[in-house]
């Protein structure tokens, strides 16, 4: 198994999980108002990035897990440097962190969710292109 066809490679590069070559999101839109815009199909293999209406509702659970991790890490770090961690302090740190990482968490949650259901099949040149209606 090469690095390019791994689940982790697809997730970290935000590439199509089927071919690991096409981008799921337009380039240069991460920290803009268009961070949620997503390509309908992979430009390389034709994989639909939204196979059905409401497909990404499950990605909210992945996003929730990331946010819980942010809360726990924030609490641990604050506990190391502050004698008494208050609720207001925790809420401030978590709110700033979550809002700062919102586009990253949104995209990572979606790519992880689709990667659960769409498996790597090979490079674009070796797999049949899906019909994009």
Protein backbone atom coordinates (compact mmCIF):
# COMPACT_ATOMS: atom_id res chain seq x y z
CA UNK A 1 0.00 0.00 0.00
CA UNK A 2 1.46 3.30 -1.02
CA UNK A 3 1.02 6.58 0.76
CA UNK A 4 -1.18 7.97 -1.99
CA UNK A 5 -3.94 5.38 -1.67
CA UNK A 6 -4.34 5.54 2.06
CA UNK A 7 -7.39 6.76 3.94
CA UNK A 8 -5.20 9.21 5.83
CA UNK A 9 -3.70 10.69 2.65
CA UNK A 10 -7.15 11.37 1.21
CA UNK A 11 -8.35 12.96 4.46
CA UNK A 12 -5.33 15.19 5.04
CA UNK A 13 -5.13 16.44 1.45
CA UNK A 14 -8.93 16.80 1.10
CA UNK A 15 -8.84 14.75 -2.10
CA UNK A 16 -11.36 12.38 -3.63
CA UNK A 17 -11.33 9.13 -1.64
CA UNK A 18 -11.88 7.03 -4.79
CA UNK A 19 -8.82 8.19 -6.77
CA UNK A 20 -6.90 10.46 -4.31
CA UNK A 21 -6.32 12.90 -7.16
CA UNK A 22 -9.32 15.25 -7.59
CA UNK A 23 -9.96 18.09 -5.15
CA UNK A 24 -13.20 18.00 -3.15
CA UNK A 25 -13.23 21.76 -2.58
CA UNK A 26 -12.17 24.66 -4.83
CA UNK A 27 -8.62 25.81 -4.16
CA UNK A 28 -8.05 29.07 -2.35
CA UNK A 29 -11.42 29.13 -0.57
CA UNK A 30 -10.47 27.77 2.87
CA UNK A 31 -10.63 31.01 4.85
CA UNK A 32 -13.17 32.84 2.69
CA UNK A 33 -16.96 33.03 2.81
CA UNK A 34 -17.00 30.19 0.26
CA UNK A 35 -15.26 27.64 2.52
CA UNK A 36 -18.36 25.38 2.37
CA UNK A 37 -18.58 25.33 -1.44
CA UNK A 38 -17.84 21.87 -2.72
CA UNK A 39 -17.36 20.40 -6.18
CA UNK A 40 -20.29 18.23 -7.28
CA UNK A 41 -18.04 15.57 -8.85
CA UNK A 42 -14.38 14.61 -8.83
CA UNK A 43 -12.71 16.26 -11.81
CA UNK A 44 -10.60 13.16 -12.32
CA UNK A 45 -12.72 10.03 -11.74
CA UNK A 46 -16.25 11.45 -11.71
CA UNK A 47 -17.10 10.34 -8.16
CA UNK A 48 -20.16 12.25 -6.87
CA UNK A 49 -19.22 14.14 -3.71
CA UNK A 50 -22.86 14.34 -2.59
CA UNK A 51 -24.33 10.97 -3.54
CA UNK A 52 -27.75 11.79 -2.07
CA UNK A 53 -29.60 14.66 -0.43
CA UNK A 54 -28.63 15.05 3.23
CA UNK A 55 -25.60 12.79 2.81
CA UNK A 56 -23.39 14.86 5.11
CA UNK A 57 -25.69 14.90 8.16
CA UNK A 58 -23.48 12.15 9.57
CA UNK A 59 -20.46 14.42 9.19
CA UNK A 60 -21.92 16.48 12.04
CA UNK A 61 -21.02 13.63 14.40
CA UNK A 62 -17.44 13.69 13.13
CA UNK A 63 -17.39 17.45 13.64
CA UNK A 64 -18.79 16.98 17.15
CA UNK A 65 -15.94 14.58 17.96
CA UNK A 66 -13.39 17.17 16.79
CA UNK A 67 -15.04 19.84 18.93
CA UNK A 68 -15.03 17.57 22.01
CA UNK A 69 -11.33 16.97 21.41
CA UNK A 70 -10.77 20.74 21.20
CA UNK A 71 -12.61 21.18 24.49
CA UNK A 72 -10.55 18.49 26.24
CA UNK A 73 -7.23 19.77 24.90
CA UNK A 74 -8.16 23.35 25.83
CA UNK A 75 -9.10 22.26 29.34
CA UNK A 76 -5.86 20.32 29.76
CA UNK A 77 -3.71 23.23 28.54
CA UNK A 78 -5.57 25.78 30.68
CA UNK A 79 -5.29 23.50 33.70
CA UNK A 80 -1.51 23.39 33.23
CA UNK A 81 -1.09 27.18 33.17
CA UNK A 82 -3.94 28.56 35.28
CA UNK A 83 -4.56 27.82 38.93
CA UNK A 84 -8.36 27.85 38.64
CA UNK A 85 -10.10 27.29 35.31
CA UNK A 86 -13.38 29.19 35.24
CA UNK A 87 -16.37 28.50 33.01
CA UNK A 88 -16.01 31.89 31.29
CA UNK A 89 -12.34 31.20 30.59
CA UNK A 90 -13.15 27.78 29.13
CA UNK A 91 -15.99 29.12 27.00
CA UNK A 92 -13.80 31.92 25.65
CA UNK A 93 -10.90 29.69 24.72
CA UNK A 94 -13.13 27.02 23.16
CA UNK A 95 -15.22 29.57 21.24
CA UNK A 96 -12.16 31.28 19.78
CA UNK A 97 -10.54 27.96 18.88
CA UNK A 98 -13.66 26.43 17.34
CA UNK A 99 -14.46 29.54 15.29
CA UNK A 100 -10.83 29.77 14.16
CA UNK A 101 -10.77 26.16 13.01
CA UNK A 102 -14.36 26.08 11.66
CA UNK A 103 -13.45 25.84 7.94
CA UNK A 104 -10.82 23.18 8.62
CA UNK A 105 -13.12 21.10 10.83
CA UNK A 106 -15.97 21.43 8.33
CA UNK A 107 -13.88 20.16 5.42
CA UNK A 108 -12.11 17.46 7.39
CA UNK A 109 -15.43 16.16 8.74
CA UNK A 110 -16.86 15.90 5.25
CA UNK A 111 -13.85 14.17 3.75
CA UNK A 112 -13.69 11.69 6.64
CA UNK A 113 -17.41 10.96 6.31
CA UNK A 114 -17.28 10.26 2.57
CA UNK A 115 -14.07 8.24 3.02
CA UNK A 116 -15.95 5.82 5.28
CA UNK A 117 -18.27 4.88 2.42
CA UNK A 118 -16.14 5.42 -0.71
CA UNK A 119 -12.99 3.31 -0.92
CA UNK A 120 -9.83 3.86 -2.91
CA UNK A 121 -9.98 2.09 -6.30
CA UNK A 122 -6.77 3.26 -7.93
CA UNK A 123 -5.32 6.14 -9.93
CA UNK A 124 -7.63 7.89 -12.41
CA UNK A 125 -5.85 6.42 -15.38
CA UNK A 126 -6.64 2.86 -14.23
CA UNK A 127 -10.26 3.10 -13.04
CA UNK A 128 -13.41 3.70 -15.10
CA UNK A 129 -14.77 7.23 -14.94
CA UNK A 130 -18.20 7.42 -13.30
CA UNK A 131 -21.03 8.92 -15.30
CA UNK A 132 -21.63 12.52 -14.16
CA UNK A 133 -25.19 13.39 -15.14
